């Protein structure tokens, strides 16, 4: 279990590390992968499975073009950073394809700093439990943490 302070610190650290990587690899795109897991427990068997599956999917998608790969198994959650030699929009489209088609893709958050789904012409992501946009359900707190974790567990139990 992590505290809110630890969560906020991990976000700051992730943002700082992203700036460092973008500075070290100018003209390249950065992919920042995290696992979407509600609640204070960010590191467990499920998060590690999703994280490993996500890194494998990214390796399959970008292959030999990956110039840098870094994986962090932290108490505050699984993180991976990849540098690829493609424009941000192309990289984001390819990452969204993983989020949208991988059996566990809905549980993955694959960011490409400088772009988002709307910028590449894709709709916002839908909630795991209903057809609303994720943002709406999160803000309105329409679902309990227990409901979300049960759905995540159900998804991960299905074989890849």
C-alpha atoms as a PDB file:
ATOM      1  CA  UNK A   1       0.000   0.000   0.000  1.00  0.00           C
ATOM      2  CA  UNK A   2       1.231   3.461  -0.842  1.00  0.00           C
ATOM      3  CA  UNK A   3       0.275   6.846   0.517  1.00  0.00           C
ATOM      4  CA  UNK A   4      -1.009   9.798  -1.462  1.00  0.00           C
ATOM      5  CA  UNK A   5       2.344  11.491  -0.819  1.00  0.00           C
ATOM      6  CA  UNK A   6       4.197   8.545  -2.365  1.00  0.00           C
ATOM      7  CA  UNK A   7       1.858   8.553  -5.371  1.00  0.00           C
ATOM      8  CA  UNK A   8       2.362  12.274  -5.971  1.00  0.00           C
ATOM      9  CA  UNK A   9       6.126  11.933  -5.536  1.00  0.00           C
ATOM     10  CA  UNK A  10       6.187   9.071  -8.058  1.00  0.00           C
ATOM     11  CA  UNK A  11       4.345  11.261 -10.594  1.00  0.00           C
ATOM     12  CA  UNK A  12       6.880  14.053 -10.066  1.00  0.00           C
ATOM     13  CA  UNK A  13       9.743  11.575 -10.430  1.00  0.00           C
ATOM     14  CA  UNK A  14       8.204  10.142 -13.610  1.00  0.00           C
ATOM     15  CA  UNK A  15       7.805  13.630 -15.119  1.00  0.00           C
ATOM     16  CA  UNK A  16      11.391  14.534 -14.185  1.00  0.00           C
ATOM     17  CA  UNK A  17      12.700  11.295 -15.705  1.00  0.00           C
ATOM     18  CA  UNK A  18      10.722  11.927 -18.890  1.00  0.00           C
ATOM     19  CA  UNK A  19      12.344  15.365 -19.237  1.00  0.00           C
ATOM     20  CA  UNK A  20      15.776  13.801 -18.696  1.00  0.00           C
ATOM     21  CA  UNK A  21      15.179  11.149 -21.362  1.00  0.00           C
ATOM     22  CA  UNK A  22      13.805  13.659 -23.877  1.00  0.00           C
ATOM     23  CA  UNK A  23      16.897  15.810 -23.273  1.00  0.00           C
ATOM     24  CA  UNK A  24      19.223  12.835 -23.712  1.00  0.00           C
ATOM     25  CA  UNK A  25      17.518  11.699 -26.951  1.00  0.00           C
ATOM     26  CA  UNK A  26      16.646  14.845 -28.915  1.00  0.00           C
ATOM     27  CA  UNK A  27      14.498  14.361 -31.995  1.00  0.00           C
ATOM     28  CA  UNK A  28      13.191  11.019 -30.723  1.00  0.00           C
ATOM     29  CA  UNK A  29       9.879   9.994 -29.218  1.00  0.00           C
ATOM     30  CA  UNK A  30       9.511   8.834 -25.659  1.00  0.00           C
ATOM     31  CA  UNK A  31       7.021   6.164 -24.690  1.00  0.00           C
ATOM     32  CA  UNK A  32       6.089   6.062 -21.016  1.00  0.00           C
ATOM     33  CA  UNK A  33       4.216   2.929 -19.995  1.00  0.00           C
ATOM     34  CA  UNK A  34       2.360   2.455 -16.711  1.00  0.00           C
ATOM     35  CA  UNK A  35      -0.300   0.074 -15.450  1.00  0.00           C
ATOM     36  CA  UNK A  36      -3.782   1.405 -14.721  1.00  0.00           C
ATOM     37  CA  UNK A  37      -4.638   0.077 -11.287  1.00  0.00           C
ATOM     38  CA  UNK A  38      -7.001   1.932  -8.941  1.00  0.00           C
ATOM     39  CA  UNK A  39      -6.400   2.145  -5.232  1.00  0.00           C
ATOM     40  CA  UNK A  40      -3.365   2.330  -2.952  1.00  0.00           C
ATOM     41  CA  UNK A  41      -1.861  -1.034  -3.952  1.00  0.00           C
ATOM     42  CA  UNK A  42       0.094  -0.351  -7.131  1.00  0.00           C
ATOM     43  CA  UNK A  43       2.480  -3.298  -7.115  1.00  0.00           C
ATOM     44  CA  UNK A  44       1.128  -6.829  -7.031  1.00  0.00           C
ATOM     45  CA  UNK A  45       0.988  -9.980  -9.146  1.00  0.00           C
ATOM     46  CA  UNK A  46      -1.622  -8.483 -11.469  1.00  0.00           C
ATOM     47  CA  UNK A  47       0.275  -5.230 -12.063  1.00  0.00           C
ATOM     48  CA  UNK A  48       3.473  -7.133 -12.805  1.00  0.00           C
ATOM     49  CA  UNK A  49       1.694  -9.408 -15.318  1.00  0.00           C
ATOM     50  CA  UNK A  50       0.144  -6.424 -17.073  1.00  0.00           C
ATOM     51  CA  UNK A  51       3.457  -4.562 -17.048  1.00  0.00           C
ATOM     52  CA  UNK A  52       5.390  -7.469 -18.514  1.00  0.00           C
ATOM     53  CA  UNK A  53       2.710  -8.022 -21.167  1.00  0.00           C
ATOM     54  CA  UNK A  54       2.807  -4.340 -22.065  1.00  0.00           C
ATOM     55  CA  UNK A  55       6.572  -4.277 -22.472  1.00  0.00           C
ATOM     56  CA  UNK A  56       6.372  -7.393 -24.653  1.00  0.00           C
ATOM     57  CA  UNK A  57       3.683  -5.755 -26.799  1.00  0.00           C
ATOM     58  CA  UNK A  58       5.809  -2.616 -27.179  1.00  0.00           C
ATOM     59  CA  UNK A  59       8.847  -4.700 -28.106  1.00  0.00           C
ATOM     60  CA  UNK A  60       6.771  -6.569 -30.692  1.00  0.00           C
ATOM     61  CA  UNK A  61       5.460  -3.298 -32.138  1.00  0.00           C
ATOM     62  CA  UNK A  62       8.719  -1.318 -32.237  1.00  0.00           C
ATOM     63  CA  UNK A  63      11.290  -4.149 -32.370  1.00  0.00           C
ATOM     64  CA  UNK A  64      14.808  -3.239 -33.397  1.00  0.00           C
ATOM     65  CA  UNK A  65      13.939   0.451 -33.614  1.00  0.00           C
ATOM     66  CA  UNK A  66      13.914   0.735 -29.807  1.00  0.00           C
ATOM     67  CA  UNK A  67      16.970   2.829 -28.932  1.00  0.00           C
ATOM     68  CA  UNK A  68      16.505   2.755 -25.167  1.00  0.00           C
ATOM     69  CA  UNK A  69      14.411   0.571 -22.887  1.00  0.00           C
ATOM     70  CA  UNK A  70      14.156   0.957 -19.150  1.00  0.00           C
ATOM     71  CA  UNK A  71      11.831  -0.978 -16.838  1.00  0.00           C
ATOM     72  CA  UNK A  72      11.153  -0.008 -13.234  1.00  0.00           C
ATOM     73  CA  UNK A  73       9.331  -2.314 -10.841  1.00  0.00           C
ATOM     74  CA  UNK A  74       8.528   0.151  -8.067  1.00  0.00           C
ATOM     75  CA  UNK A  75       6.306  -0.013  -5.012  1.00  0.00           C
ATOM     76  CA  UNK A  76       4.399   2.882  -6.579  1.00  0.00           C
ATOM     77  CA  UNK A  77       3.793   0.868  -9.752  1.00  0.00           C
ATOM     78  CA  UNK A  78       5.320  -0.667 -12.831  1.00  0.00           C
ATOM     79  CA  UNK A  79       6.914   1.795 -15.256  1.00  0.00           C
ATOM     80  CA  UNK A  80       8.698   1.405 -18.572  1.00  0.00           C
ATOM     81  CA  UNK A  81      10.382   3.991 -20.772  1.00  0.00           C
ATOM     82  CA  UNK A  82      11.228   3.476 -24.418  1.00  0.00           C
ATOM     83  CA  UNK A  83      12.896   5.771 -26.936  1.00  0.00           C
ATOM     84  CA  UNK A  84      12.053   5.284 -30.615  1.00  0.00           C
ATOM     85  CA  UNK A  85      13.109   7.209 -33.744  1.00  0.00           C
ATOM     86  CA  UNK A  86       9.591   8.071 -34.943  1.00  0.00           C
ATOM     87  CA  UNK A  87       7.522  11.242 -34.827  1.00  0.00           C
ATOM     88  CA  UNK A  88       5.318  11.597 -31.753  1.00  0.00           C
ATOM     89  CA  UNK A  89       2.027  11.307 -33.668  1.00  0.00           C
ATOM     90  CA  UNK A  90       3.043   8.074 -35.395  1.00  0.00           C
ATOM     91  CA  UNK A  91       4.363   6.683 -32.128  1.00  0.00           C
ATOM     92  CA  UNK A  92       1.134   7.609 -30.312  1.00  0.00           C
ATOM     93  CA  UNK A  93      -1.034   5.964 -33.004  1.00  0.00           C
ATOM     94  CA  UNK A  94       0.975   2.752 -32.713  1.00  0.00           C
ATOM     95  CA  UNK A  95       0.771   2.823 -28.906  1.00  0.00           C
ATOM     96  CA  UNK A  96      -2.992   3.434 -29.028  1.00  0.00           C
ATOM     97  CA  UNK A  97      -3.321   0.413 -31.304  1.00  0.00           C
ATOM     98  CA  UNK A  98      -1.803  -1.669 -28.499  1.00  0.00           C
ATOM     99  CA  UNK A  99      -4.141  -0.114 -25.916  1.00  0.00           C
ATOM    100  CA  UNK A 100      -7.127  -0.746 -28.201  1.00  0.00           C
ATOM    101  CA  UNK A 101      -6.344  -4.276 -29.456  1.00  0.00           C
ATOM    102  CA  UNK A 102      -4.252  -6.089 -26.838  1.00  0.00           C
ATOM    103  CA  UNK A 103      -6.426  -8.307 -24.580  1.00  0.00           C
ATOM    104  CA  UNK A 104      -5.095  -6.383 -21.567  1.00  0.00           C
ATOM    105  CA  UNK A 105      -4.587  -3.097 -23.416  1.00  0.00           C
ATOM    106  CA  UNK A 106      -7.354  -1.357 -21.518  1.00  0.00           C
ATOM    107  CA  UNK A 107      -5.290  -1.870 -18.359  1.00  0.00           C
ATOM    108  CA  UNK A 108      -2.234  -0.216 -19.905  1.00  0.00           C
ATOM    109  CA  UNK A 109      -1.480   3.482 -20.048  1.00  0.00           C
ATOM    110  CA  UNK A 110       0.949   4.156 -22.873  1.00  0.00           C
ATOM    111  CA  UNK A 111       1.797   7.855 -23.041  1.00  0.00           C
ATOM    112  CA  UNK A 112       3.810   9.707 -25.641  1.00  0.00           C
ATOM    113  CA  UNK A 113       4.598  13.177 -24.251  1.00  0.00           C
ATOM    114  CA  UNK A 114       3.536  15.941 -26.619  1.00  0.00           C
ATOM    115  CA  UNK A 115       0.514  14.167 -28.050  1.00  0.00           C
ATOM    116  CA  UNK A 116      -2.691  12.435 -27.028  1.00  0.00           C
ATOM    117  CA  UNK A 117      -5.485  10.318 -28.494  1.00  0.00           C
ATOM    118  CA  UNK A 118      -7.467  13.334 -29.710  1.00  0.00           C
ATOM    119  CA  UNK A 119      -4.408  14.760 -31.492  1.00  0.00           C
ATOM    120  CA  UNK A 120      -4.123  11.592 -33.577  1.00  0.00           C
ATOM    121  CA  UNK A 121      -7.853  11.438 -34.302  1.00  0.00           C
ATOM    122  CA  UNK A 122      -8.817   8.734 -31.827  1.00  0.00           C
ATOM    123  CA  UNK A 123     -11.719   8.841 -29.370  1.00  0.00           C
ATOM    124  CA  UNK A 124     -11.231   9.008 -25.616  1.00  0.00           C
ATOM    125  CA  UNK A 125     -10.933   5.693 -23.820  1.00  0.00           C
ATOM    126  CA  UNK A 126     -14.060   4.077 -22.416  1.00  0.00           C
ATOM    127  CA  UNK A 127     -14.649   2.941 -18.863  1.00  0.00           C
ATOM    128  CA  UNK A 128     -13.975  -0.698 -18.009  1.00  0.00           C
ATOM    129  CA  UNK A 129     -17.471  -1.107 -16.604  1.00  0.00           C
ATOM    130  CA  UNK A 130     -19.745   1.065 -18.740  1.00  0.00           C
ATOM    131  CA  UNK A 131     -19.748   2.948 -22.018  1.00  0.00           C
ATOM    132  CA  UNK A 132     -18.887   6.361 -20.545  1.00  0.00           C
ATOM    133  CA  UNK A 133     -15.561   8.045 -21.127  1.00  0.00           C
ATOM    134  CA  UNK A 134     -13.070   7.111 -18.404  1.00  0.00           C
ATOM    135  CA  UNK A 135     -12.658  10.762 -17.401  1.00  0.00           C
ATOM    136  CA  UNK A 136     -16.366  11.080 -16.669  1.00  0.00           C
ATOM    137  CA  UNK A 137     -16.545   7.975 -14.484  1.00  0.00           C
ATOM    138  CA  UNK A 138     -13.396   8.933 -12.569  1.00  0.00           C
ATOM    139  CA  UNK A 139     -14.603  12.467 -11.831  1.00  0.00           C
ATOM    140  CA  UNK A 140     -18.119  11.355 -10.915  1.00  0.00           C
ATOM    141  CA  UNK A 141     -16.793   8.345  -8.958  1.00  0.00           C
ATOM    142  CA  UNK A 142     -19.459   6.153 -10.569  1.00  0.00           C
ATOM    143  CA  UNK A 143     -17.765   2.863  -9.714  1.00  0.00           C
ATOM    144  CA  UNK A 144     -16.174   1.552  -6.559  1.00  0.00           C
ATOM    145  CA  UNK A 145     -12.554   0.525  -6.337  1.00  0.00           C
ATOM    146  CA  UNK A 146     -13.745  -3.017  -5.584  1.00  0.00           C
ATOM    147  CA  UNK A 147     -15.838  -3.131  -8.789  1.00  0.00           C
ATOM    148  CA  UNK A 148     -12.901  -1.929 -10.874  1.00  0.00           C
ATOM    149  CA  UNK A 149     -10.412  -4.325  -9.269  1.00  0.00           C
ATOM    150  CA  UNK A 150     -12.817  -7.242  -9.771  1.00  0.00           C
ATOM    151  CA  UNK A 151     -13.120  -6.377 -13.477  1.00  0.00           C
ATOM    152  CA  UNK A 152      -9.336  -6.037 -13.815  1.00  0.00           C
ATOM    153  CA  UNK A 153      -8.852  -9.420 -12.150  1.00  0.00           C
ATOM    154  CA  UNK A 154     -11.439 -10.957 -14.502  1.00  0.00           C
ATOM    155  CA  UNK A 155      -9.633  -9.527 -17.554  1.00  0.00           C
ATOM    156  CA  UNK A 156      -6.196 -10.729 -16.432  1.00  0.00           C
ATOM    157  CA  UNK A 157      -7.495 -14.242 -15.683  1.00  0.00           C
ATOM    158  CA  UNK A 158      -8.315 -14.677 -19.365  1.00  0.00           C
ATOM    159  CA  UNK A 159      -5.351 -16.156 -21.254  1.00  0.00           C
ATOM    160  CA  UNK A 160      -3.477 -13.937 -23.704  1.00  0.00           C
END
